[in-house]
Protein backbone atom coordinates (compact mmCIF):
# COMPACT_ATOMS: atom_id res chain seq x y z
CA MET A 1 0.43 19.33 4.30
CA THR A 2 -0.99 15.78 4.26
CA ILE A 3 -3.95 15.04 1.89
CA GLU A 4 -5.80 11.63 1.06
CA THR A 5 -6.11 10.73 -2.45
CA TYR A 6 -8.43 7.78 -3.72
CA ASN A 7 -6.52 5.59 -5.91
CA PRO A 8 -7.58 2.86 -8.43
CA SER A 9 -6.53 -0.90 -7.84
CA GLU A 10 -3.82 -2.30 -9.98
CA VAL A 11 -6.50 -5.18 -11.12
CA THR A 12 -9.79 -4.15 -12.63
CA PHE A 13 -12.29 -6.67 -12.42
CA PRO A 14 -15.26 -7.05 -14.74
CA GLU A 15 -18.46 -5.20 -13.87
CA SER A 16 -20.30 -8.58 -13.40
CA VAL A 17 -18.17 -9.30 -10.16
CA GLY A 18 -19.87 -8.34 -7.26
CA LYS A 19 -18.93 -11.28 -4.87
CA VAL A 20 -15.18 -12.83 -4.31
CA LEU A 21 -13.65 -15.73 -2.74
CA ILE A 22 -10.29 -15.61 -0.78
CA VAL A 23 -8.68 -19.02 -1.22
CA ASN A 24 -5.73 -20.58 0.35
CA ASN A 25 -3.93 -22.39 -2.27
CA ALA A 26 -0.45 -22.15 -0.66
CA VAL A 27 1.34 -25.15 1.04
CA PRO A 28 3.06 -24.24 4.44
CA GLN A 29 6.66 -24.51 4.73
CA PRO A 30 8.28 -27.28 7.19
CA ALA A 31 8.40 -26.04 10.70
CA ASP A 32 12.27 -26.70 10.50
CA SER A 33 12.85 -24.64 7.36
CA GLY A 34 13.61 -21.03 7.00
CA TYR A 35 14.00 -20.14 10.70
CA GLU A 36 17.50 -19.23 12.26
CA TYR A 37 18.04 -18.75 15.99
CA THR A 38 20.93 -17.45 17.59
CA LEU A 39 21.03 -17.50 21.58
CA MET A 40 24.09 -15.68 23.00
CA GLY A 41 26.14 -16.12 19.77
CA VAL A 42 25.25 -19.94 19.39
CA LYS A 43 23.00 -21.15 16.53
CA GLN A 44 20.09 -23.28 17.93
CA ASP A 45 19.83 -26.43 15.96
CA THR A 46 16.42 -27.36 17.32
CA CYS A 47 14.30 -24.44 16.64
CA VAL A 48 10.82 -24.92 14.77
CA ALA A 49 8.41 -22.24 13.39
CA VAL A 50 5.17 -23.53 12.25
CA ALA A 51 3.63 -21.80 9.32
CA ASP A 52 0.44 -23.16 8.66
CA SER A 53 -1.58 -20.54 10.82
CA ALA A 54 0.47 -17.67 9.23
CA LEU A 55 -0.94 -18.78 5.84
CA PHE A 56 -4.50 -18.57 7.44
CA TYR A 57 -3.78 -15.09 8.81
CA ALA A 58 -2.56 -13.86 5.52
CA CYS A 59 -5.85 -14.69 3.82
CA ARG A 60 -7.98 -13.35 6.53
CA SER A 61 -6.05 -10.18 6.44
CA LEU A 62 -6.48 -10.10 2.97
CA GLY A 63 -10.12 -10.64 2.91
CA LYS A 64 -10.64 -8.24 6.02
CA SER A 65 -8.83 -5.39 4.32
CA ILE A 66 -10.80 -5.88 1.10
CA VAL A 67 -14.23 -5.92 3.00
CA ASP A 68 -13.05 -2.63 4.70
CA ALA A 69 -12.62 -1.05 1.36
CA ASP A 70 -16.28 -1.45 0.72
CA TYR A 71 -15.89 -2.10 -2.88
CA PHE A 72 -17.36 -5.58 -3.63
CA ASN A 73 -20.75 -6.68 -2.48
CA ASP A 74 -19.57 -9.34 -0.49
CA VAL A 75 -16.36 -11.15 0.38
CA LEU A 76 -15.87 -14.74 1.50
CA LEU A 77 -12.91 -16.77 2.94
CA TYR A 78 -12.76 -20.28 2.05
CA HIS A 79 -12.88 -22.63 4.81
CA ASP A 80 -10.26 -25.35 3.60
CA ALA A 81 -6.80 -25.00 2.24
CA VAL A 82 -6.99 -26.47 -1.43
CA ARG A 83 -3.91 -27.90 -2.09
CA GLU A 84 -3.07 -31.27 -0.45
CA ASP A 85 0.71 -31.94 -1.95
CA LYS A 86 3.65 -31.07 0.12
CA GLU A 87 5.70 -29.09 -2.70
CA TYR A 88 5.69 -26.09 -0.33
CA LEU A 89 8.26 -24.36 -2.86
CA SER A 90 6.06 -24.68 -6.10
CA ASP A 91 3.97 -22.00 -7.04
CA VAL A 92 0.83 -23.93 -8.42
CA LYS A 93 -2.20 -22.24 -9.97
CA LEU A 94 -5.48 -23.11 -9.80
CA THR A 95 -7.05 -24.61 -12.64
CA PRO A 96 -9.88 -23.41 -14.79
CA GLU A 97 -11.97 -26.53 -13.25
CA GLN A 98 -11.20 -25.61 -9.54
CA VAL A 99 -11.83 -22.08 -10.15
CA THR A 100 -15.41 -22.76 -11.60
CA SER A 101 -16.06 -25.18 -8.72
CA LEU A 102 -14.92 -22.59 -6.14
CA CYS A 103 -17.39 -20.14 -7.53
CA GLU A 104 -20.35 -22.60 -8.03
CA GLU A 105 -19.81 -23.97 -4.24
CA THR A 106 -19.70 -20.36 -2.89
CA GLY A 107 -22.00 -18.49 -5.33
CA THR A 108 -19.05 -15.91 -6.11
CA GLU A 109 -17.92 -14.64 -9.27
CA ALA A 110 -14.09 -14.25 -8.89
CA VAL A 111 -11.30 -16.13 -6.82
CA ILE A 112 -8.41 -14.42 -5.11
CA SER A 113 -5.76 -17.01 -4.26
CA LEU A 114 -2.88 -17.16 -2.13
CA ASP A 115 -0.84 -19.46 -4.29
CA ARG A 116 2.62 -19.39 -2.43
CA LEU A 117 3.93 -17.59 0.61
CA LEU A 118 7.21 -18.32 2.23
CA PHE A 119 9.27 -16.70 5.43
CA GLU A 120 12.85 -16.30 6.23
CA MET A 121 12.84 -15.71 10.03
CA GLU A 122 16.04 -14.68 11.92
CA LYS A 123 15.99 -14.19 15.80
CA ASP A 124 19.14 -13.08 17.69
CA VAL A 125 19.32 -12.66 21.40
CA PHE A 126 22.38 -11.28 23.01
CA THR A 127 23.50 -9.57 26.15
CA PHE A 128 25.12 -6.48 26.53
CA PRO A 129 28.25 -5.48 28.93
CA GLU A 130 25.88 -3.35 31.17
CA GLY A 131 23.90 -6.30 31.80
CA TYR A 132 20.75 -6.17 30.01
CA VAL A 133 19.07 -8.48 27.20
CA MET A 134 18.45 -7.52 23.66
CA GLY A 135 16.20 -9.35 21.18
CA ASN A 136 15.89 -8.81 17.28
CA ILE A 137 13.46 -10.60 14.99
CA LYS A 138 13.35 -10.18 11.07
CA VAL A 139 10.80 -11.98 9.15
CA ASP A 140 11.25 -11.77 5.19
CA ILE A 141 8.08 -12.54 3.43
CA ALA A 142 7.78 -13.57 -0.25
CA GLY A 143 4.55 -14.65 -1.97
CA VAL A 144 2.35 -15.00 -5.12
CA VAL A 145 -1.26 -13.70 -5.17
CA ARG A 146 -3.42 -14.25 -8.17
CA CYS A 147 -7.04 -13.56 -9.10
CA TYR A 148 -9.13 -15.94 -11.28
CA LEU A 149 -12.37 -15.63 -13.16
CA PRO A 150 -14.46 -18.71 -13.92
CA GLY A 151 -14.51 -19.32 -17.85
CA ARG A 152 -10.81 -18.13 -18.06
CA SER A 153 -7.90 -20.51 -19.03
CA ASN A 154 -5.37 -18.05 -17.38
CA PRO A 155 -5.47 -16.10 -14.31
CA LEU A 156 -6.88 -12.43 -14.69
CA ALA A 157 -3.95 -11.37 -12.86
CA THR A 158 -0.62 -12.01 -10.97
CA VAL A 159 0.78 -10.07 -7.96
CA TYR A 160 4.47 -10.79 -6.66
CA MET A 161 4.70 -9.53 -3.09
CA SER A 162 7.84 -9.26 -1.19
CA ASP A 163 8.38 -7.27 2.33
CA SER A 164 9.94 -7.62 5.66
CA ILE A 165 8.70 -7.07 9.23
CA PHE A 166 10.90 -6.52 12.59
CA TRP A 167 11.20 -6.51 16.18
CA ASN A 168 13.66 -4.96 18.37
CA GLU A 169 13.20 -5.13 22.15
CA SER A 170 15.41 -5.21 25.30
CA ALA A 171 14.84 -6.74 28.95
CA ASP A 172 16.61 -7.02 32.20
CA ASP A 173 16.94 -10.89 31.65
CA PRO A 174 15.94 -13.58 29.09
CA GLY A 175 13.10 -14.30 31.10
CA MET A 176 11.44 -11.07 31.08
CA LEU A 177 12.32 -10.84 27.04
CA LYS A 178 10.41 -13.90 26.23
CA TYR A 179 7.26 -11.96 27.77
CA ILE A 180 8.42 -8.82 25.18
CA LEU A 181 9.42 -10.60 22.17
CA PRO A 182 6.89 -12.97 20.37
CA ASP A 183 7.87 -16.33 19.89
CA ALA A 184 8.51 -17.69 16.50
CA ASN A 185 5.00 -18.91 15.59
CA SER A 186 3.34 -15.77 16.90
CA ALA A 187 5.85 -13.64 14.69
CA LEU A 188 5.13 -15.77 11.49
CA CYS A 189 1.31 -15.07 12.07
CA THR A 190 2.01 -11.32 12.46
CA ALA A 191 4.21 -11.30 9.36
CA GLY A 192 1.03 -13.12 7.46
CA ASP A 193 -1.25 -10.72 8.97
CA TYR A 194 0.68 -7.78 7.49
CA ILE A 195 1.50 -8.91 4.16
CA GLY A 196 -2.49 -9.63 3.70
CA ALA A 197 -3.02 -6.18 4.80
CA LYS A 198 -0.61 -4.63 2.53
CA VAL A 199 -1.34 -6.65 -0.66
CA TYR A 200 -4.97 -5.57 -0.68
CA VAL A 201 -4.38 -2.54 -2.54
CA ASN A 202 -4.03 -4.34 -5.74
CA PHE A 203 -7.39 -5.68 -5.80
CA VAL A 204 -9.64 -2.71 -4.86
CA PRO A 205 -9.67 1.05 -4.93
CA HIS A 206 -7.93 2.65 -1.67
CA TRP A 207 -6.80 5.61 0.07
CA VAL A 208 -3.44 6.90 0.03
CA ASN A 209 -1.69 9.75 2.39
CA GLU A 210 0.26 12.24 0.08
CA SER A 211 2.50 15.09 0.96
CA ARG A 212 1.53 18.74 -0.67
CA TRP A 213 2.71 22.23 0.13
CA TYR A 214 2.05 25.89 -0.54
CA TYR A 215 3.92 28.88 -0.82
CA SER A 216 3.59 31.82 1.56
CA GLY A 217 4.60 35.44 1.68
CA MET A 218 5.13 38.43 3.99
CA ASP A 219 2.71 41.03 2.99
CA SER A 220 -0.81 41.08 4.08
CA ARG A 221 -2.47 39.65 0.59
CA TRP A 222 -0.12 36.55 0.92
CA LYS A 223 -0.96 36.14 4.44
CA GLU A 224 -4.83 36.48 3.84
CA ALA A 225 -4.70 33.83 0.89
CA ALA A 226 -2.46 31.54 3.27
CA VAL A 227 -4.71 31.55 6.12
CA ALA A 228 -7.71 30.70 3.69
CA THR A 229 -5.55 27.84 2.30
CA ALA A 230 -4.29 26.59 5.83
CA GLY A 231 -8.17 26.51 6.74
CA GLU A 232 -8.88 24.44 3.66
CA LYS A 233 -11.46 26.99 2.40
CA TRP A 234 -10.46 26.14 -1.24
CA THR A 235 -12.78 28.48 -2.96
CA LEU A 236 -11.71 31.50 -0.90
CA ALA A 237 -8.24 30.41 -1.31
CA SER A 238 -8.40 30.19 -5.22
CA GLU A 239 -10.00 33.64 -5.17
CA ARG A 240 -7.03 35.22 -3.18
CA TRP A 241 -4.24 33.39 -5.23
CA SER A 242 -5.89 34.25 -8.45
CA ALA A 243 -6.13 38.08 -7.25
CA ILE A 244 -2.43 38.02 -6.31
CA TYR A 245 -1.29 36.04 -9.58
CA ASN A 246 -3.12 38.49 -11.56
CA GLY A 247 -1.98 41.77 -9.72
CA THR A 248 1.70 41.06 -9.84
CA SER A 249 4.02 41.37 -12.87
CA ASN A 250 7.04 39.63 -10.57
CA TRP A 251 7.67 36.32 -12.39
CA LYS A 252 8.36 34.53 -8.85
CA LYS A 253 5.25 35.55 -7.25
CA LYS A 254 3.11 34.52 -10.22
CA ALA A 255 5.00 31.24 -10.01
CA LYS A 256 4.16 30.56 -6.44
CA SER A 257 0.66 31.92 -6.58
CA ALA A 258 0.25 29.57 -9.89
CA SER A 259 1.35 26.54 -7.69
CA ASN A 260 -0.86 27.57 -4.79
CA LEU A 261 -3.50 27.80 -7.39
CA ALA A 262 -2.91 24.17 -8.71
CA LEU A 263 -3.26 23.09 -5.12
CA CYS A 264 -6.63 24.51 -4.32
CA TYR A 265 -8.11 23.29 -7.75
CA GLU A 266 -6.80 19.66 -6.81
CA MET A 267 -8.41 19.83 -3.40
CA GLU A 268 -11.66 20.86 -5.27
CA GLY A 269 -11.51 18.03 -7.59
CA ASP A 270 -10.52 19.72 -10.74
CA LEU A 271 -7.58 17.91 -11.80
CA LYS A 272 -7.25 19.44 -15.32
CA LYS A 273 -7.17 22.91 -13.87
CA ALA A 274 -4.72 21.81 -11.27
CA TYR A 275 -2.53 20.32 -13.81
CA GLU A 276 -2.65 23.62 -16.02
CA TRP A 277 -1.75 25.80 -13.09
CA ALA A 278 1.13 23.42 -11.76
CA SER A 279 2.41 23.29 -15.35
CA LEU A 280 2.54 27.11 -15.79
CA SER A 281 4.36 27.32 -12.51
CA TYR A 282 6.78 24.91 -13.50
CA ASP A 283 7.36 26.73 -16.95
CA LEU A 284 7.97 29.93 -14.93
CA PHE A 285 10.55 28.72 -12.51
CA LYS A 286 12.10 26.77 -15.35
CA LYS A 287 12.39 29.64 -17.68
CA ASN A 288 13.64 32.12 -15.19
CA ILE A 289 16.36 30.03 -12.96
CA LYS A 290 19.31 28.86 -14.50
CA GLY A 291 19.91 25.09 -14.11
CA GLU A 292 17.83 23.09 -11.41
CA ASP A 293 16.54 24.21 -8.17
CA ASN A 294 14.33 22.90 -5.35
CA ASN A 295 11.12 24.79 -6.67
CA THR A 296 11.77 23.45 -10.21
CA LYS A 297 12.28 19.78 -8.87
CA LEU A 298 9.08 20.07 -6.84
CA LEU A 299 6.86 21.44 -9.44
CA GLU A 300 8.07 18.89 -11.97
CA LEU A 301 7.16 16.22 -9.43
CA TYR A 302 3.81 17.92 -8.93
CA VAL A 303 3.03 18.12 -12.48
CA GLU A 304 3.81 14.10 -12.77
CA THR A 305 1.85 13.62 -9.88
CA LEU A 306 -1.36 15.39 -11.26
CA MET A 307 -0.93 13.59 -14.48
CA ASN A 308 -0.87 10.27 -12.72
CA ARG A 309 -3.96 11.17 -10.80
CA ILE A 310 -5.79 12.20 -14.05
CA ARG A 311 -4.94 8.79 -15.19
CA SER A 312 -5.96 7.20 -12.05
CA ASP A 313 -9.32 8.83 -12.35
CA GLN A 314 -10.00 7.68 -15.46
CA LYS A 315 -9.30 4.13 -14.34
CA LEU A 316 -11.41 4.64 -11.24
CA ASN A 317 -14.37 5.37 -13.31
CA MET A 318 -13.76 2.29 -15.27
CA GLN A 319 -13.56 0.40 -12.15
CA PHE A 320 -16.95 1.91 -10.82
CA GLY A 321 -18.59 1.62 -14.22
CA GLU A 322 -18.59 5.15 -14.72
CA GLU A 323 -18.13 7.06 -18.13
């Protein structure tokens, strides 16, 4: 089954930060840099890809994703690029004076800055003997995002990001392929939008999809408990699994029902009890099975996951100013 867990951000801002500013402090790479286009086996020497808009898309996507997380009181996108030099390969931090000036100008308490963003794009268009045309695009993305607070000599945090995005399309002829496959500029903008939406999790608490499982059995008590679990009636399910656990002397049934109880308590938000039951289940499997098997490996991962969730909840409480 799939569940959603609420996770803290990597960066913890002071409680005083309620309004943040997204800034583009990166220099766009030249249009003739980082783009290789092969057409029918021949590399094209006149291809260009303009990255200016891609930087804007990355900042806008980052800001929108942070807004959607509903953590800060307000998120602003700065209207101009900050840097005026042409050193696109350089990773240049904002100075303390720049941070103070930007915060004073916009009424914000923190700055999240895109300090560098580079793209490597490969496009390949070729034909198959059957007569149709295939087009592939791969964009590798690498960048640096930092958050700054006024009055600090160094950034609060630095995030290095890298990822790739792909397209693979086919058409009857090259003319039709142009309508299906994005052009170079559009591909870069999509890549910028993608990386901005991905990196936001470093700065705000966020939801993550995770997988869980539970054991079932053939007798009526197990089926009844499994129905309650499948229906997400967690209080009823925990009562049924407890009855099974307490009513059997079979170690394997105890181990499986203990694991299911851990899931019930996790879904009810009692992570400490969930950890205790998952640990009990793991210990039973470990004690009675020689060597490693799938059950032992799964329970070991689950125990670790629950411990990480307990730590995450402590960090979440801190980020929301709760004890």
